[in-house]
């Protein structure tokens, strides 16, 4: 009987820890968000956390210019693609990548990195970059995005990954590959 009581105790404690962990994730100030797109048999998923403006000056202050940013909050933003795509006119192989950026006033450097599971950009390693390119910024007149938001605007096999926060818009062009015929 003592073995059963010990087993039940372990189960109850484990369930309590899991419930507490899920509650902590649910109540994050920067909640986790997910955006997806699909073209034929290619699936694209971006997982990120959404910090909010909350009256703060974002770019050049909270997110310094010229420094690597995790492109969100909490864990580094990650993108998974199930088939090769073209991003900013360069081939990107299927896989999962961390997305980092280096914001500046006129343009941002977009970085796709092979290291996963990072908290923020604290341990970012440029030697593991798979791709880097620059994208011009667009300032939105009269619009302010309170939460950092990633959208995918898709038209058939072409799309834009759009980053929006405060009054800044970054548009990253992608193209889904057509399936190869036998």
N, C-alpha and C. Protein backbone atom coordinates (compact mmCIF):
# COMPACT_ATOMS: atom_id res chain seq x y z
N UNK A 1 0.82 -1.21 0.00
CA UNK A 1 0.00 0.00 0.00
C UNK A 1 0.86 1.26 0.00
N UNK A 2 2.01 1.20 0.67
CA UNK A 2 2.87 2.36 0.74
C UNK A 2 3.36 2.78 -0.64
N UNK A 3 3.62 1.83 -1.54
CA UNK A 3 4.05 2.13 -2.90
C UNK A 3 3.00 2.91 -3.67
N UNK A 4 1.74 2.53 -3.48
CA UNK A 4 0.64 3.23 -4.16
C UNK A 4 0.53 4.66 -3.64
N UNK A 5 0.65 4.86 -2.34
CA UNK A 5 0.58 6.20 -1.77
C UNK A 5 1.72 7.07 -2.29
N UNK A 6 2.91 6.52 -2.36
CA UNK A 6 4.06 7.26 -2.88
C UNK A 6 3.82 7.64 -4.34
N UNK A 7 3.31 6.67 -5.13
CA UNK A 7 3.01 6.93 -6.53
C UNK A 7 1.98 8.05 -6.68
N UNK A 8 0.91 7.99 -5.90
CA UNK A 8 -0.13 9.03 -5.96
C UNK A 8 0.42 10.39 -5.55
N UNK A 9 1.28 10.41 -4.53
CA UNK A 9 1.90 11.66 -4.11
C UNK A 9 2.72 12.27 -5.24
N UNK A 10 3.51 11.44 -5.93
CA UNK A 10 4.34 11.91 -7.04
C UNK A 10 3.46 12.44 -8.17
N UNK A 11 2.39 11.74 -8.48
CA UNK A 11 1.48 12.19 -9.54
C UNK A 11 0.85 13.53 -9.18
N UNK A 12 0.40 13.68 -7.95
CA UNK A 12 -0.25 14.93 -7.53
C UNK A 12 0.73 16.09 -7.57
N UNK A 13 1.95 15.86 -7.06
CA UNK A 13 2.96 16.92 -7.09
C UNK A 13 3.31 17.30 -8.53
N UNK A 14 3.47 16.29 -9.39
CA UNK A 14 3.79 16.56 -10.80
C UNK A 14 2.70 17.37 -11.47
N UNK A 15 1.45 16.99 -11.25
CA UNK A 15 0.34 17.73 -11.84
C UNK A 15 0.27 19.16 -11.31
N UNK A 16 0.59 19.35 -10.04
CA UNK A 16 0.59 20.70 -9.46
C UNK A 16 1.65 21.57 -10.11
N UNK A 17 2.87 21.01 -10.30
CA UNK A 17 3.93 21.78 -10.96
C UNK A 17 3.56 22.11 -12.40
N UNK A 18 2.98 21.16 -13.11
CA UNK A 18 2.59 21.42 -14.50
C UNK A 18 1.51 22.49 -14.57
N UNK A 19 0.53 22.44 -13.68
CA UNK A 19 -0.53 23.44 -13.67
C UNK A 19 0.04 24.82 -13.36
N UNK A 20 0.99 24.90 -12.42
CA UNK A 20 1.61 26.18 -12.08
C UNK A 20 2.42 26.72 -13.27
N UNK A 21 3.13 25.84 -13.97
CA UNK A 21 3.91 26.27 -15.13
C UNK A 21 3.00 26.78 -16.23
N UNK A 22 1.90 26.08 -16.49
CA UNK A 22 0.98 26.52 -17.54
C UNK A 22 0.31 27.83 -17.16
N UNK A 23 0.01 28.02 -15.89
CA UNK A 23 -0.59 29.28 -15.43
C UNK A 23 0.40 30.43 -15.61
N UNK A 24 1.68 30.19 -15.31
CA UNK A 24 2.71 31.22 -15.48
C UNK A 24 2.84 31.62 -16.94
N UNK A 25 2.82 30.64 -17.85
CA UNK A 25 2.91 30.94 -19.29
C UNK A 25 1.69 31.72 -19.75
N UNK A 26 0.51 31.33 -19.27
CA UNK A 26 -0.74 31.98 -19.68
C UNK A 26 -0.78 33.44 -19.22
N UNK A 27 -0.18 33.74 -18.06
CA UNK A 27 -0.25 35.09 -17.50
C UNK A 27 0.98 35.93 -17.79
N UNK A 28 1.76 35.59 -18.81
CA UNK A 28 2.93 36.37 -19.17
C UNK A 28 2.51 37.76 -19.63
N UNK A 29 3.30 38.79 -19.27
CA UNK A 29 3.00 40.13 -19.79
C UNK A 29 3.17 40.19 -21.31
N UNK A 30 4.02 39.33 -21.86
CA UNK A 30 4.23 39.26 -23.30
C UNK A 30 3.80 37.86 -23.76
N UNK A 31 2.53 37.68 -24.08
CA UNK A 31 2.01 36.34 -24.37
C UNK A 31 2.60 35.74 -25.65
N UNK A 32 2.63 34.42 -25.67
CA UNK A 32 3.10 33.69 -26.84
C UNK A 32 2.05 33.79 -27.94
N UNK A 33 2.52 33.95 -29.18
CA UNK A 33 1.63 34.02 -30.32
C UNK A 33 2.18 33.15 -31.45
N UNK A 34 1.32 32.82 -32.37
CA UNK A 34 1.67 31.92 -33.46
C UNK A 34 1.02 32.43 -34.74
N UNK A 35 1.78 32.41 -35.83
CA UNK A 35 1.23 32.79 -37.13
C UNK A 35 1.66 31.72 -38.12
N UNK A 36 0.75 31.35 -39.03
CA UNK A 36 1.05 30.27 -39.97
C UNK A 36 0.61 30.65 -41.38
N UNK A 37 1.20 29.95 -42.34
CA UNK A 37 0.78 30.06 -43.74
C UNK A 37 1.04 28.70 -44.37
N UNK A 38 0.30 28.44 -45.44
CA UNK A 38 0.46 27.18 -46.15
C UNK A 38 0.27 27.41 -47.63
N UNK A 39 1.14 26.80 -48.40
CA UNK A 39 0.97 26.78 -49.85
C UNK A 39 1.24 25.35 -50.31
N UNK A 40 0.21 24.73 -50.86
CA UNK A 40 0.28 23.32 -51.27
C UNK A 40 0.82 22.48 -50.12
N UNK A 41 1.99 21.85 -50.27
CA UNK A 41 2.48 21.00 -49.18
C UNK A 41 3.60 21.67 -48.38
N UNK A 42 3.71 22.99 -48.46
CA UNK A 42 4.69 23.73 -47.67
C UNK A 42 3.96 24.49 -46.56
N UNK A 43 4.43 24.29 -45.35
CA UNK A 43 3.82 24.89 -44.18
C UNK A 43 4.86 25.79 -43.51
N UNK A 44 4.46 27.01 -43.13
CA UNK A 44 5.32 27.97 -42.46
C UNK A 44 4.67 28.34 -41.13
N UNK A 45 5.46 28.28 -40.06
CA UNK A 45 4.95 28.62 -38.73
C UNK A 45 5.98 29.51 -38.03
N UNK A 46 5.52 30.62 -37.45
CA UNK A 46 6.38 31.49 -36.66
C UNK A 46 5.79 31.57 -35.26
N UNK A 47 6.63 31.26 -34.27
CA UNK A 47 6.25 31.31 -32.87
C UNK A 47 7.04 32.43 -32.20
N UNK A 48 6.33 33.33 -31.53
CA UNK A 48 6.99 34.49 -30.92
C UNK A 48 6.20 34.96 -29.72
N UNK A 49 6.79 35.84 -28.93
CA UNK A 49 6.09 36.46 -27.80
C UNK A 49 5.86 37.93 -28.11
N UNK A 50 4.71 38.44 -27.68
CA UNK A 50 4.26 39.78 -28.03
C UNK A 50 4.46 40.79 -26.89
N UNK A 51 5.59 41.52 -26.89
CA UNK A 51 5.68 42.61 -25.93
C UNK A 51 4.71 43.72 -26.34
N UNK A 52 4.34 44.57 -25.39
CA UNK A 52 3.42 45.68 -25.66
C UNK A 52 4.13 47.02 -25.44
N UNK A 53 3.66 48.02 -26.14
CA UNK A 53 4.25 49.35 -26.08
C UNK A 53 4.12 49.95 -24.68
N UNK A 54 2.95 49.92 -24.12
CA UNK A 54 2.67 50.42 -22.77
C UNK A 54 3.26 51.81 -22.50
N UNK A 55 3.13 52.71 -23.49
CA UNK A 55 3.58 54.08 -23.32
C UNK A 55 5.08 54.29 -23.44
N UNK A 56 5.81 53.24 -23.73
CA UNK A 56 7.27 53.36 -23.80
C UNK A 56 7.73 53.78 -25.19
N UNK A 57 8.92 54.36 -25.26
CA UNK A 57 9.58 54.61 -26.54
C UNK A 57 10.23 53.30 -26.92
N UNK A 58 9.87 52.76 -28.09
CA UNK A 58 10.32 51.41 -28.45
C UNK A 58 11.67 51.44 -29.14
N UNK A 59 11.70 51.88 -30.38
CA UNK A 59 12.92 51.76 -31.18
C UNK A 59 13.87 52.91 -30.90
N UNK A 60 15.12 52.53 -30.62
CA UNK A 60 16.13 53.49 -30.22
C UNK A 60 16.21 53.65 -28.72
N UNK A 61 15.30 52.98 -27.98
CA UNK A 61 15.31 53.05 -26.51
C UNK A 61 15.15 51.64 -25.93
N UNK A 62 13.89 51.18 -25.79
CA UNK A 62 13.65 49.83 -25.28
C UNK A 62 14.35 48.80 -26.17
N UNK A 63 14.23 48.97 -27.47
CA UNK A 63 14.96 48.15 -28.46
C UNK A 63 16.01 49.06 -29.08
N UNK A 64 17.26 48.98 -28.61
CA UNK A 64 18.30 49.90 -29.11
C UNK A 64 18.60 49.70 -30.59
N UNK A 65 18.91 50.79 -31.26
CA UNK A 65 19.36 50.71 -32.64
C UNK A 65 20.75 50.07 -32.68
N UNK A 66 21.00 49.29 -33.74
CA UNK A 66 22.32 48.73 -33.95
C UNK A 66 22.69 47.53 -33.10
N UNK A 67 21.73 46.98 -32.35
CA UNK A 67 22.00 45.81 -31.51
C UNK A 67 21.07 44.66 -31.87
N UNK A 68 21.58 43.45 -31.71
CA UNK A 68 20.78 42.26 -32.01
C UNK A 68 19.60 42.20 -31.04
N UNK A 69 18.41 41.99 -31.61
CA UNK A 69 17.16 41.88 -30.84
C UNK A 69 16.53 40.53 -31.11
N UNK A 70 15.91 39.95 -30.12
CA UNK A 70 15.26 38.64 -30.24
C UNK A 70 14.01 38.66 -31.12
N UNK A 71 13.58 39.84 -31.54
CA UNK A 71 12.42 40.02 -32.41
C UNK A 71 11.14 39.55 -31.71
N UNK A 72 10.94 40.11 -30.54
CA UNK A 72 9.80 39.78 -29.70
C UNK A 72 10.23 39.88 -28.25
N UNK A 73 9.66 39.03 -27.42
CA UNK A 73 10.02 38.99 -26.00
C UNK A 73 10.25 37.54 -25.60
N UNK A 74 10.73 37.36 -24.38
CA UNK A 74 10.94 36.03 -23.81
C UNK A 74 11.91 35.20 -24.67
N UNK A 75 11.49 34.02 -25.09
CA UNK A 75 12.35 33.18 -25.92
C UNK A 75 12.54 33.84 -27.29
N UNK A 76 13.64 33.49 -27.95
CA UNK A 76 13.87 34.01 -29.30
C UNK A 76 12.75 33.52 -30.23
N UNK A 77 12.35 34.37 -31.14
CA UNK A 77 11.34 34.02 -32.14
C UNK A 77 11.88 32.89 -33.01
N UNK A 78 11.01 31.91 -33.33
CA UNK A 78 11.42 30.79 -34.18
C UNK A 78 10.48 30.62 -35.35
N UNK A 79 11.07 30.27 -36.50
CA UNK A 79 10.31 30.01 -37.73
C UNK A 79 10.61 28.59 -38.19
N UNK A 80 9.55 27.85 -38.50
CA UNK A 80 9.68 26.50 -39.04
C UNK A 80 9.06 26.46 -40.42
N UNK A 81 9.79 25.87 -41.38
CA UNK A 81 9.26 25.65 -42.72
C UNK A 81 9.46 24.17 -43.07
N UNK A 82 8.44 23.59 -43.70
CA UNK A 82 8.49 22.16 -43.99
C UNK A 82 9.13 21.85 -45.34
N UNK A 83 9.22 22.82 -46.23
CA UNK A 83 9.87 22.68 -47.54
C UNK A 83 10.68 23.93 -47.79
N UNK A 84 11.63 23.84 -48.71
CA UNK A 84 12.46 25.00 -49.04
C UNK A 84 11.59 26.16 -49.52
N UNK A 85 11.99 27.39 -49.17
CA UNK A 85 11.33 28.60 -49.67
C UNK A 85 12.41 29.57 -50.15
N UNK A 86 11.97 30.61 -50.83
CA UNK A 86 12.86 31.71 -51.20
C UNK A 86 12.48 32.88 -50.30
N UNK A 87 13.48 33.42 -49.61
CA UNK A 87 13.23 34.56 -48.73
C UNK A 87 14.19 35.68 -49.14
N UNK A 88 13.63 36.83 -49.46
CA UNK A 88 14.42 37.96 -49.94
C UNK A 88 15.35 37.55 -51.09
N UNK A 89 14.82 36.76 -52.01
CA UNK A 89 15.51 36.28 -53.22
C UNK A 89 16.64 35.29 -52.96
N UNK A 90 16.69 34.67 -51.77
CA UNK A 90 17.69 33.64 -51.47
C UNK A 90 16.99 32.38 -50.98
N UNK A 91 17.54 31.23 -51.36
CA UNK A 91 16.96 29.94 -50.98
C UNK A 91 17.19 29.68 -49.49
N UNK A 92 16.13 29.29 -48.80
CA UNK A 92 16.20 28.87 -47.40
C UNK A 92 15.70 27.45 -47.32
N UNK A 93 16.56 26.57 -46.83
CA UNK A 93 16.22 25.15 -46.73
C UNK A 93 15.17 24.91 -45.64
N UNK A 94 14.37 23.88 -45.82
CA UNK A 94 13.38 23.49 -44.81
C UNK A 94 14.09 23.29 -43.47
N UNK A 95 13.40 23.67 -42.40
CA UNK A 95 13.97 23.51 -41.06
C UNK A 95 13.38 24.53 -40.11
N UNK A 96 13.98 24.62 -38.94
CA UNK A 96 13.56 25.59 -37.93
C UNK A 96 14.73 26.51 -37.64
N UNK A 97 14.44 27.80 -37.58
CA UNK A 97 15.45 28.84 -37.40
C UNK A 97 15.00 29.84 -36.35
N UNK A 98 15.95 30.40 -35.60
CA UNK A 98 15.67 31.55 -34.76
C UNK A 98 15.71 32.79 -35.64
N UNK A 99 14.81 33.74 -35.37
CA UNK A 99 14.79 35.00 -36.10
C UNK A 99 15.28 36.09 -35.16
N UNK A 100 16.38 36.72 -35.54
CA UNK A 100 16.89 37.88 -34.83
C UNK A 100 16.87 39.05 -35.80
N UNK A 101 16.86 40.25 -35.27
CA UNK A 101 16.92 41.44 -36.10
C UNK A 101 17.87 42.44 -35.46
N UNK A 102 18.37 43.34 -36.30
CA UNK A 102 19.14 44.49 -35.81
C UNK A 102 18.41 45.72 -36.33
N UNK A 103 17.54 46.31 -35.51
CA UNK A 103 16.79 47.49 -35.95
C UNK A 103 17.68 48.72 -36.09
N UNK A 104 17.37 49.53 -37.07
CA UNK A 104 17.99 50.83 -37.26
C UNK A 104 16.90 51.77 -37.78
N UNK A 105 17.19 53.04 -37.89
CA UNK A 105 16.16 54.00 -38.31
C UNK A 105 15.67 53.76 -39.72
N UNK A 106 16.56 53.52 -40.66
CA UNK A 106 16.21 53.40 -42.07
C UNK A 106 15.97 51.97 -42.54
N UNK A 107 16.64 51.01 -41.90
CA UNK A 107 16.49 49.61 -42.32
C UNK A 107 16.80 48.68 -41.14
N UNK A 108 16.37 47.46 -41.27
CA UNK A 108 16.67 46.42 -40.28
C UNK A 108 17.46 45.32 -40.94
N UNK A 109 18.39 44.74 -40.20
CA UNK A 109 19.06 43.53 -40.64
C UNK A 109 18.25 42.36 -40.11
N UNK A 110 17.83 41.48 -41.01
CA UNK A 110 17.10 40.27 -40.64
C UNK A 110 18.11 39.13 -40.58
N UNK A 111 18.06 38.36 -39.50
CA UNK A 111 19.01 37.28 -39.28
C UNK A 111 18.23 35.98 -39.03
N UNK A 112 18.57 34.96 -39.80
CA UNK A 112 18.05 33.61 -39.54
C UNK A 112 19.23 32.80 -39.04
N UNK A 113 19.04 32.18 -37.87
CA UNK A 113 20.13 31.53 -37.16
C UNK A 113 19.73 30.09 -36.85
N UNK A 114 20.69 29.18 -36.89
CA UNK A 114 20.38 27.76 -36.71
C UNK A 114 20.26 27.33 -35.26
N UNK A 115 20.66 28.18 -34.29
CA UNK A 115 20.55 27.79 -32.88
C UNK A 115 19.13 28.00 -32.39
N UNK A 116 18.61 27.02 -31.68
CA UNK A 116 17.21 27.06 -31.23
C UNK A 116 17.14 27.01 -29.71
N UNK A 117 15.96 27.37 -29.19
CA UNK A 117 15.71 27.26 -27.76
C UNK A 117 16.40 28.32 -26.91
N UNK A 118 16.74 29.44 -27.51
CA UNK A 118 17.43 30.50 -26.78
C UNK A 118 16.45 31.38 -26.02
N UNK A 119 16.87 31.87 -24.86
CA UNK A 119 16.11 32.89 -24.15
C UNK A 119 16.64 34.22 -24.62
N UNK A 120 15.83 34.97 -25.35
CA UNK A 120 16.26 36.26 -25.85
C UNK A 120 17.42 36.15 -26.83
N UNK A 121 18.25 37.17 -26.84
CA UNK A 121 19.41 37.17 -27.73
C UNK A 121 20.70 37.20 -26.92
N UNK A 122 20.62 36.86 -25.64
CA UNK A 122 21.77 36.95 -24.75
C UNK A 122 22.92 36.05 -25.19
N UNK A 123 22.62 34.88 -25.71
CA UNK A 123 23.67 33.95 -26.14
C UNK A 123 23.71 33.81 -27.66
N UNK A 124 23.22 34.83 -28.37
CA UNK A 124 23.22 34.82 -29.83
C UNK A 124 24.65 34.61 -30.34
N UNK A 125 24.81 33.71 -31.31
CA UNK A 125 26.11 33.39 -31.88
C UNK A 125 26.06 33.63 -33.39
N UNK A 126 26.72 34.69 -33.85
CA UNK A 126 26.70 35.06 -35.27
C UNK A 126 27.31 33.97 -36.15
N UNK A 127 28.15 33.11 -35.60
CA UNK A 127 28.76 32.04 -36.38
C UNK A 127 27.71 31.02 -36.84
N UNK A 128 26.54 31.03 -36.19
CA UNK A 128 25.47 30.09 -36.55
C UNK A 128 24.41 30.72 -37.46
N UNK A 129 24.70 31.93 -37.97
CA UNK A 129 23.76 32.57 -38.91
C UNK A 129 23.69 31.77 -40.20
N UNK A 130 22.49 31.56 -40.67
CA UNK A 130 22.24 30.88 -41.93
C UNK A 130 22.04 31.91 -43.04
N UNK A 131 21.46 33.05 -42.67
CA UNK A 131 21.13 34.08 -43.65
C UNK A 131 21.05 35.44 -42.95
N UNK A 132 21.51 36.48 -43.63
CA UNK A 132 21.40 37.88 -43.17
C UNK A 132 21.08 38.75 -44.38
N UNK A 133 20.15 39.68 -44.21
CA UNK A 133 19.85 40.64 -45.27
C UNK A 133 19.19 41.87 -44.66
N UNK A 134 19.19 42.96 -45.40
CA UNK A 134 18.60 44.21 -44.93
C UNK A 134 17.26 44.46 -45.60
N UNK A 135 16.34 45.01 -44.83
CA UNK A 135 15.00 45.37 -45.30
C UNK A 135 14.74 46.81 -44.86
N UNK A 136 14.26 47.67 -45.76
CA UNK A 136 13.96 49.05 -45.35
C UNK A 136 12.76 49.11 -44.39
N UNK A 137 12.78 50.08 -43.49
CA UNK A 137 11.65 50.29 -42.59
C UNK A 137 10.61 51.16 -43.27
N UNK A 138 9.39 50.99 -42.85
CA UNK A 138 8.30 51.87 -43.29
C UNK A 138 7.66 52.43 -42.03
N UNK A 139 7.47 53.74 -42.00
CA UNK A 139 6.80 54.36 -40.87
C UNK A 139 5.33 54.50 -41.21
N UNK A 140 4.48 54.00 -40.33
CA UNK A 140 3.03 54.07 -40.52
C UNK A 140 2.53 55.41 -40.00
N UNK A 141 1.90 56.17 -40.84
CA UNK A 141 1.39 57.48 -40.45
C UNK A 141 0.07 57.31 -39.70
N UNK A 142 0.02 57.80 -38.47
CA UNK A 142 -1.21 57.78 -37.70
C UNK A 142 -1.59 56.43 -37.12
N UNK A 143 -0.76 55.42 -37.29
CA UNK A 143 -1.07 54.10 -36.74
C UNK A 143 -0.03 53.73 -35.69
N UNK A 144 -0.49 53.16 -34.61
CA UNK A 144 0.41 52.67 -33.57
C UNK A 144 -0.05 51.26 -33.19
N UNK A 145 0.85 50.31 -33.34
CA UNK A 145 0.56 48.95 -32.93
C UNK A 145 1.02 48.78 -31.49
N UNK A 146 0.09 48.59 -30.58
CA UNK A 146 0.40 48.41 -29.16
C UNK A 146 1.19 47.11 -28.93
N UNK A 147 0.70 45.96 -29.40
CA UNK A 147 1.51 44.74 -29.25
C UNK A 147 2.42 44.55 -30.46
N UNK A 148 3.61 44.02 -30.22
CA UNK A 148 4.46 43.59 -31.33
C UNK A 148 3.70 42.48 -32.05
N UNK A 149 3.58 42.60 -33.37
CA UNK A 149 2.74 41.68 -34.14
C UNK A 149 3.49 41.19 -35.37
N UNK A 150 3.39 39.89 -35.63
CA UNK A 150 3.90 39.31 -36.86
C UNK A 150 2.70 38.79 -37.64
N UNK A 151 2.61 39.18 -38.90
CA UNK A 151 1.56 38.72 -39.81
C UNK A 151 2.20 38.07 -41.02
N UNK A 152 1.44 37.23 -41.69
CA UNK A 152 1.86 36.72 -43.00
C UNK A 152 0.77 37.11 -43.99
N UNK A 153 1.12 37.99 -44.92
CA UNK A 153 0.19 38.41 -45.96
C UNK A 153 0.51 37.59 -47.20
N UNK A 154 -0.40 36.68 -47.54
CA UNK A 154 -0.13 35.71 -48.60
C UNK A 154 -1.07 35.86 -49.78
N UNK A 155 -0.49 35.73 -50.98
CA UNK A 155 -1.26 35.65 -52.23
C UNK A 155 -0.67 34.50 -53.02
N UNK A 156 -1.34 33.37 -52.96
CA UNK A 156 -0.89 32.15 -53.63
C UNK A 156 0.51 31.76 -53.17
N UNK A 157 1.48 31.69 -54.09
CA UNK A 157 2.82 31.20 -53.72
C UNK A 157 3.77 32.31 -53.28
N UNK A 158 3.32 33.55 -53.19
CA UNK A 158 4.15 34.63 -52.67
C UNK A 158 3.51 35.21 -51.42
N UNK A 159 4.35 35.70 -50.53
CA UNK A 159 3.85 36.24 -49.27
C UNK A 159 4.86 37.24 -48.72
N UNK A 160 4.41 37.99 -47.74
CA UNK A 160 5.28 38.86 -46.97
C UNK A 160 5.12 38.50 -45.51
N UNK A 161 6.25 38.32 -44.82
CA UNK A 161 6.24 38.23 -43.36
C UNK A 161 6.33 39.68 -42.91
N UNK A 162 5.34 40.13 -42.14
CA UNK A 162 5.25 41.53 -41.75
C UNK A 162 5.46 41.65 -40.24
N UNK A 163 6.40 42.50 -39.85
CA UNK A 163 6.66 42.80 -38.45
C UNK A 163 6.10 44.20 -38.18
N UNK A 164 5.25 44.32 -37.15
CA UNK A 164 4.61 45.59 -36.82
C UNK A 164 4.76 45.87 -35.33
N UNK A 165 5.23 47.06 -35.01
CA UNK A 165 5.23 47.50 -33.62
C UNK A 165 5.39 49.00 -33.59
N UNK A 166 4.65 49.62 -32.70
CA UNK A 166 4.63 51.06 -32.60
C UNK A 166 4.18 51.59 -33.96
N UNK A 167 4.99 52.40 -34.63
CA UNK A 167 4.59 52.90 -35.95
C UNK A 167 5.51 52.37 -37.05
N UNK A 168 6.17 51.24 -36.80
CA UNK A 168 7.14 50.67 -37.75
C UNK A 168 6.58 49.40 -38.40
N UNK A 169 6.81 49.29 -39.69
CA UNK A 169 6.42 48.11 -40.46
C UNK A 169 7.65 47.60 -41.22
N UNK A 170 7.93 46.33 -41.08
CA UNK A 170 9.00 45.66 -41.83
C UNK A 170 8.33 44.58 -42.65
N UNK A 171 8.66 44.49 -43.92
CA UNK A 171 8.02 43.56 -44.85
C UNK A 171 9.09 42.68 -45.48
N UNK A 172 9.06 41.38 -45.19
CA UNK A 172 10.06 40.43 -45.67
C UNK A 172 9.42 39.56 -46.75
N UNK A 173 9.87 39.67 -48.01
CA UNK A 173 9.25 38.89 -49.09
C UNK A 173 9.69 37.43 -49.07
N UNK A 174 8.72 36.55 -49.25
CA UNK A 174 9.01 35.12 -49.38
C UNK A 174 8.25 34.56 -50.58
N UNK A 175 8.75 33.45 -51.08
CA UNK A 175 8.07 32.75 -52.17
C UNK A 175 8.14 31.26 -51.87
N UNK A 176 6.97 30.63 -51.92
CA UNK A 176 6.90 29.19 -51.76
C UNK A 176 7.31 28.54 -53.08
N UNK A 177 8.07 27.47 -53.01
CA UNK A 177 8.54 26.78 -54.20
C UNK A 177 7.42 25.93 -54.80
N UNK A 178 7.37 25.87 -56.09
CA UNK A 178 6.44 24.98 -56.77
C UNK A 178 6.97 23.56 -56.65
N UNK A 179 6.10 22.57 -56.44
CA UNK A 179 6.56 21.20 -56.38
C UNK A 179 7.24 20.80 -57.68
N UNK A 180 8.33 20.03 -57.55
CA UNK A 180 9.05 19.57 -58.74
C UNK A 180 8.30 18.39 -59.36
N UNK A 181 8.13 18.47 -60.67
CA UNK A 181 7.42 17.40 -61.38
C UNK A 181 8.39 16.25 -61.67
N UNK A 182 7.89 15.01 -61.66
CA UNK A 182 8.77 13.86 -61.91
C UNK A 182 9.26 13.81 -63.34
